[in-house]
Amino acid sequence: MDSYFQKQKEYFEEDPEDIDNIRYYNVAKELKEILDKTEPIYNL
């Protein structure tokens, strides 16, 4: 999950005005936060 988040962050930093980059970055960030909080449960 960390590598996916980092890749989306790179895309976002390359073109922060692109609506798709904004959406994917925000979703990846939220998903990473959720998985980090529930790591003991899901252990991904």
N, C-alpha and C. Protein backbone atom coordinates (compact mmCIF):
# COMPACT_ATOMS: atom_id res chain seq x y z
N MET A 1 0.83 -1.18 0.00
CA MET A 1 0.00 0.00 0.00
C MET A 1 0.87 1.25 0.00
N ASP A 2 1.99 1.19 0.70
CA ASP A 2 2.87 2.36 0.75
C ASP A 2 3.40 2.72 -0.64
N SER A 3 3.74 1.70 -1.43
CA SER A 3 4.27 1.98 -2.77
C SER A 3 3.20 2.58 -3.67
N TYR A 4 1.96 2.10 -3.54
CA TYR A 4 0.86 2.67 -4.33
C TYR A 4 0.63 4.13 -3.94
N PHE A 5 0.64 4.40 -2.65
CA PHE A 5 0.45 5.77 -2.17
C PHE A 5 1.57 6.68 -2.67
N GLN A 6 2.80 6.21 -2.61
CA GLN A 6 3.94 7.01 -3.07
C GLN A 6 3.84 7.30 -4.56
N LYS A 7 3.40 6.32 -5.35
CA LYS A 7 3.26 6.52 -6.80
C LYS A 7 2.19 7.57 -7.08
N GLN A 8 1.07 7.50 -6.38
CA GLN A 8 0.01 8.49 -6.58
C GLN A 8 0.48 9.88 -6.14
N LYS A 9 1.27 9.92 -5.09
CA LYS A 9 1.82 11.20 -4.62
C LYS A 9 2.74 11.80 -5.68
N GLU A 10 3.56 10.95 -6.32
CA GLU A 10 4.45 11.43 -7.39
C GLU A 10 3.65 12.00 -8.55
N TYR A 11 2.60 11.28 -8.96
CA TYR A 11 1.76 11.78 -10.05
C TYR A 11 1.13 13.12 -9.68
N PHE A 12 0.66 13.22 -8.44
CA PHE A 12 0.03 14.45 -7.97
C PHE A 12 1.02 15.60 -7.97
N GLU A 13 2.25 15.35 -7.53
CA GLU A 13 3.26 16.40 -7.49
C GLU A 13 3.69 16.83 -8.88
N GLU A 14 3.65 15.91 -9.86
CA GLU A 14 4.00 16.26 -11.24
C GLU A 14 2.98 17.21 -11.85
N ASP A 15 1.69 16.97 -11.60
CA ASP A 15 0.63 17.79 -12.18
C ASP A 15 -0.50 17.95 -11.16
N PRO A 16 -0.34 18.86 -10.20
CA PRO A 16 -1.34 19.01 -9.14
C PRO A 16 -2.66 19.62 -9.62
N GLU A 17 -2.72 20.11 -10.85
CA GLU A 17 -3.95 20.70 -11.37
C GLU A 17 -4.86 19.67 -12.03
N ASP A 18 -4.33 18.50 -12.36
CA ASP A 18 -5.11 17.46 -13.03
C ASP A 18 -6.11 16.85 -12.03
N ILE A 19 -7.39 16.91 -12.39
CA ILE A 19 -8.44 16.46 -11.47
C ILE A 19 -8.30 14.97 -11.13
N ASP A 20 -7.86 14.15 -12.09
CA ASP A 20 -7.68 12.73 -11.81
C ASP A 20 -6.55 12.50 -10.82
N ASN A 21 -5.47 13.25 -10.95
CA ASN A 21 -4.37 13.13 -9.99
C ASN A 21 -4.82 13.52 -8.59
N ILE A 22 -5.62 14.56 -8.50
CA ILE A 22 -6.14 15.01 -7.20
C ILE A 22 -7.00 13.92 -6.58
N ARG A 23 -7.90 13.36 -7.38
CA ARG A 23 -8.82 12.32 -6.87
C ARG A 23 -8.06 11.07 -6.42
N TYR A 24 -7.19 10.57 -7.29
CA TYR A 24 -6.46 9.34 -6.95
C TYR A 24 -5.55 9.53 -5.75
N TYR A 25 -4.91 10.68 -5.66
CA TYR A 25 -4.03 10.95 -4.52
C TYR A 25 -4.84 10.98 -3.22
N ASN A 26 -5.97 11.69 -3.23
CA ASN A 26 -6.78 11.79 -2.02
C ASN A 26 -7.34 10.44 -1.60
N VAL A 27 -7.78 9.65 -2.55
CA VAL A 27 -8.30 8.32 -2.23
C VAL A 27 -7.20 7.42 -1.68
N ALA A 28 -6.03 7.47 -2.31
CA ALA A 28 -4.90 6.65 -1.84
C ALA A 28 -4.50 7.06 -0.42
N LYS A 29 -4.52 8.36 -0.16
CA LYS A 29 -4.16 8.86 1.17
C LYS A 29 -5.17 8.38 2.22
N GLU A 30 -6.46 8.47 1.90
CA GLU A 30 -7.49 8.03 2.84
C GLU A 30 -7.43 6.53 3.06
N LEU A 31 -7.24 5.76 1.99
CA LEU A 31 -7.16 4.31 2.13
C LEU A 31 -5.95 3.91 2.96
N LYS A 32 -4.83 4.57 2.75
CA LYS A 32 -3.62 4.27 3.53
C LYS A 32 -3.86 4.55 5.01
N GLU A 33 -4.53 5.66 5.32
CA GLU A 33 -4.83 5.99 6.72
C GLU A 33 -5.71 4.91 7.36
N ILE A 34 -6.73 4.47 6.62
CA ILE A 34 -7.63 3.44 7.15
C ILE A 34 -6.88 2.14 7.37
N LEU A 35 -6.08 1.73 6.38
CA LEU A 35 -5.34 0.48 6.53
C LEU A 35 -4.29 0.56 7.62
N ASP A 36 -3.68 1.73 7.81
CA ASP A 36 -2.70 1.88 8.89
C ASP A 36 -3.37 1.75 10.25
N LYS A 37 -4.60 2.26 10.36
CA LYS A 37 -5.32 2.19 11.64
C LYS A 37 -5.81 0.78 11.93
N THR A 38 -6.12 0.02 10.88
CA THR A 38 -6.68 -1.32 11.06
C THR A 38 -5.67 -2.42 10.74
N GLU A 39 -4.40 -2.08 10.70
CA GLU A 39 -3.35 -3.04 10.33
C GLU A 39 -3.38 -4.31 11.18
N PRO A 40 -3.58 -4.23 12.49
CA PRO A 40 -3.61 -5.47 13.27
C PRO A 40 -4.75 -6.40 12.85
N ILE A 41 -5.82 -5.83 12.30
CA ILE A 41 -6.97 -6.65 11.90
C ILE A 41 -6.73 -7.31 10.55
N TYR A 42 -6.32 -6.51 9.57
CA TYR A 42 -6.20 -7.01 8.20
C TYR A 42 -4.80 -7.48 7.84
N ASN A 43 -3.79 -6.89 8.44
CA ASN A 43 -2.40 -7.30 8.25
C ASN A 43 -2.02 -7.42 6.76
N LEU A 44 -2.22 -6.33 6.01
CA LEU A 44 -1.89 -6.33 4.57
C LEU A 44 -0.45 -5.96 4.35
